[in-house]
Amino acid sequence: MGKETGLTMKQTYTAALLDDDRELLPYLAEKIQEEFFKQEMALHLTQYQSPESFLEALEKGNHSDIYFLDIDMPQINGLTVAGRITSLQ
């Protein structure tokens, strides 16, 4: 049985996290989820390690309420990805 926290989540959000740093990605995901929990908000967070996999999912209709993007990536930077998000929504 799970432990009862007594918290009622105010709202549920979906989010996508894109970072090409394999070691940093899980840390960022944990910190983001902790912050949402502190605000009593539920979060479904999907992690992506490459801009290509992120854009492929986006083109298939996997949109989120919130996007966390690494700006400094070698092939496709986060600003380019942000532009693609805007054009596909």
C-alpha atoms as a PDB file:
ATOM      1  CA  MET A   1       0.000   0.000   0.000  1.00  0.00           C
ATOM      2  CA  GLY A   2       1.183   3.507  -0.801  1.00  0.00           C
ATOM      3  CA  LYS A   3       1.733   6.106   1.860  1.00  0.00           C
ATOM      4  CA  GLU A   4      -1.043   8.683   2.117  1.00  0.00           C
ATOM      5  CA  THR A   5       0.305  12.209   1.820  1.00  0.00           C
ATOM      6  CA  GLY A   6      -2.912  14.085   2.427  1.00  0.00           C
ATOM      7  CA  LEU A   7      -2.169  16.293  -0.587  1.00  0.00           C
ATOM      8  CA  THR A   8      -4.748  16.959  -3.242  1.00  0.00           C
ATOM      9  CA  MET A   9      -3.130  17.945  -6.498  1.00  0.00           C
ATOM     10  CA  LYS A  10      -4.423  21.261  -7.844  1.00  0.00           C
ATOM     11  CA  GLN A  11      -3.829  20.520 -11.511  1.00  0.00           C
ATOM     12  CA  THR A  12      -2.090  18.011 -13.750  1.00  0.00           C
ATOM     13  CA  TYR A  13       0.348  19.095 -16.451  1.00  0.00           C
ATOM     14  CA  THR A  14       2.248  17.310 -19.190  1.00  0.00           C
ATOM     15  CA  ALA A  15       5.826  18.329 -19.857  1.00  0.00           C
ATOM     16  CA  ALA A  16       8.683  17.387 -22.149  1.00  0.00           C
ATOM     17  CA  LEU A  17      12.310  17.657 -21.080  1.00  0.00           C
ATOM     18  CA  LEU A  18      14.992  17.711 -23.774  1.00  0.00           C
ATOM     19  CA  ASP A  19      18.675  17.569 -22.846  1.00  0.00           C
ATOM     20  CA  ASP A  20      21.481  15.796 -24.681  1.00  0.00           C
ATOM     21  CA  ASP A  21      23.508  15.318 -21.476  1.00  0.00           C
ATOM     22  CA  ARG A  22      22.905  11.710 -20.436  1.00  0.00           C
ATOM     23  CA  GLU A  23      24.010  12.328 -16.840  1.00  0.00           C
ATOM     24  CA  LEU A  24      22.179  15.618 -16.343  1.00  0.00           C
ATOM     25  CA  LEU A  25      18.815  14.527 -17.774  1.00  0.00           C
ATOM     26  CA  PRO A  26      17.632  12.376 -14.813  1.00  0.00           C
ATOM     27  CA  TYR A  27      18.797  15.022 -12.332  1.00  0.00           C
ATOM     28  CA  LEU A  28      16.848  17.752 -14.119  1.00  0.00           C
ATOM     29  CA  ALA A  29      13.771  15.527 -14.326  1.00  0.00           C
ATOM     30  CA  GLU A  30      13.904  14.841 -10.597  1.00  0.00           C
ATOM     31  CA  LYS A  31      14.283  18.531  -9.703  1.00  0.00           C
ATOM     32  CA  ILE A  32      11.435  19.585 -12.000  1.00  0.00           C
ATOM     33  CA  GLN A  33       9.131  16.936 -10.545  1.00  0.00           C
ATOM     34  CA  GLU A  34      10.060  17.969  -6.993  1.00  0.00           C
ATOM     35  CA  GLU A  35       9.150  21.593  -7.712  1.00  0.00           C
ATOM     36  CA  PHE A  36       5.772  20.648  -9.144  1.00  0.00           C
ATOM     37  CA  PHE A  37       5.075  18.427  -6.141  1.00  0.00           C
ATOM     38  CA  LYS A  38       5.917  21.304  -3.780  1.00  0.00           C
ATOM     39  CA  GLN A  39       3.277  23.377  -5.567  1.00  0.00           C
ATOM     40  CA  GLU A  40       0.790  20.490  -5.253  1.00  0.00           C
ATOM     41  CA  MET A  41       0.682  20.036  -9.023  1.00  0.00           C
ATOM     42  CA  ALA A  42       0.863  16.686 -10.745  1.00  0.00           C
ATOM     43  CA  LEU A  43       3.278  16.341 -13.642  1.00  0.00           C
ATOM     44  CA  HIS A  44       3.645  13.734 -16.357  1.00  0.00           C
ATOM     45  CA  LEU A  45       7.193  14.332 -17.619  1.00  0.00           C
ATOM     46  CA  THR A  46       8.593  12.729 -20.762  1.00  0.00           C
ATOM     47  CA  GLN A  47      12.368  12.832 -21.203  1.00  0.00           C
ATOM     48  CA  TYR A  48      14.213  13.082 -24.516  1.00  0.00           C
ATOM     49  CA  GLN A  49      17.963  12.842 -25.005  1.00  0.00           C
ATOM     50  CA  SER A  50      18.094  13.959 -28.628  1.00  0.00           C
ATOM     51  CA  PRO A  51      16.383  16.740 -30.555  1.00  0.00           C
ATOM     52  CA  GLU A  52      15.606  14.261 -33.323  1.00  0.00           C
ATOM     53  CA  SER A  53      13.631  11.911 -31.043  1.00  0.00           C
ATOM     54  CA  PHE A  54      11.854  14.878 -29.486  1.00  0.00           C
ATOM     55  CA  LEU A  55      10.859  16.323 -32.874  1.00  0.00           C
ATOM     56  CA  GLU A  56       9.734  12.907 -34.105  1.00  0.00           C
ATOM     57  CA  ALA A  57       7.418  12.563 -31.099  1.00  0.00           C
ATOM     58  CA  LEU A  58       6.165  16.119 -31.586  1.00  0.00           C
ATOM     59  CA  GLU A  59       5.383  15.469 -35.248  1.00  0.00           C
ATOM     60  CA  LYS A  60       3.375  12.395 -34.178  1.00  0.00           C
ATOM     61  CA  GLY A  61       1.209  14.642 -32.026  1.00  0.00           C
ATOM     62  CA  ASN A  62       2.869  14.206 -28.629  1.00  0.00           C
ATOM     63  CA  HIS A  63       2.381  17.778 -27.446  1.00  0.00           C
ATOM     64  CA  SER A  64       2.910  18.996 -23.886  1.00  0.00           C
ATOM     65  CA  ASP A  65       1.730  21.868 -21.745  1.00  0.00           C
ATOM     66  CA  ILE A  66       5.322  22.794 -20.835  1.00  0.00           C
ATOM     67  CA  TYR A  67       8.670  22.338 -22.616  1.00  0.00           C
ATOM     68  CA  PHE A  68      12.085  22.364 -20.923  1.00  0.00           C
ATOM     69  CA  LEU A  69      14.729  22.637 -23.651  1.00  0.00           C
ATOM     70  CA  ASP A  70      18.512  22.508 -23.584  1.00  0.00           C
ATOM     71  CA  ILE A  71      19.638  25.507 -25.601  1.00  0.00           C
ATOM     72  CA  ASP A  72      23.226  24.341 -26.234  1.00  0.00           C
ATOM     73  CA  MET A  73      23.128  21.140 -28.314  1.00  0.00           C
ATOM     74  CA  PRO A  74      25.460  20.377 -31.229  1.00  0.00           C
ATOM     75  CA  GLN A  75      23.241  19.484 -34.210  1.00  0.00           C
ATOM     76  CA  ILE A  76      19.912  21.184 -33.470  1.00  0.00           C
ATOM     77  CA  ASN A  77      19.900  23.766 -30.689  1.00  0.00           C
ATOM     78  CA  GLY A  78      17.009  24.413 -28.324  1.00  0.00           C
ATOM     79  CA  LEU A  79      16.026  27.667 -30.010  1.00  0.00           C
ATOM     80  CA  THR A  80      15.531  25.841 -33.302  1.00  0.00           C
ATOM     81  CA  VAL A  81      13.502  23.190 -31.497  1.00  0.00           C
ATOM     82  CA  ALA A  82      11.369  25.919 -29.887  1.00  0.00           C
ATOM     83  CA  GLY A  83      10.628  27.295 -33.336  1.00  0.00           C
ATOM     84  CA  ARG A  84       9.512  23.863 -34.516  1.00  0.00           C
ATOM     85  CA  ILE A  85       7.231  23.499 -31.490  1.00  0.00           C
ATOM     86  CA  THR A  86       5.582  26.797 -32.369  1.00  0.00           C
ATOM     87  CA  SER A  87       5.099  25.840 -36.005  1.00  0.00           C
ATOM     88  CA  LEU A  88       3.609  22.418 -35.159  1.00  0.00           C
ATOM     89  CA  GLN A  89       1.057  23.577 -32.600  1.00  0.00           C
END
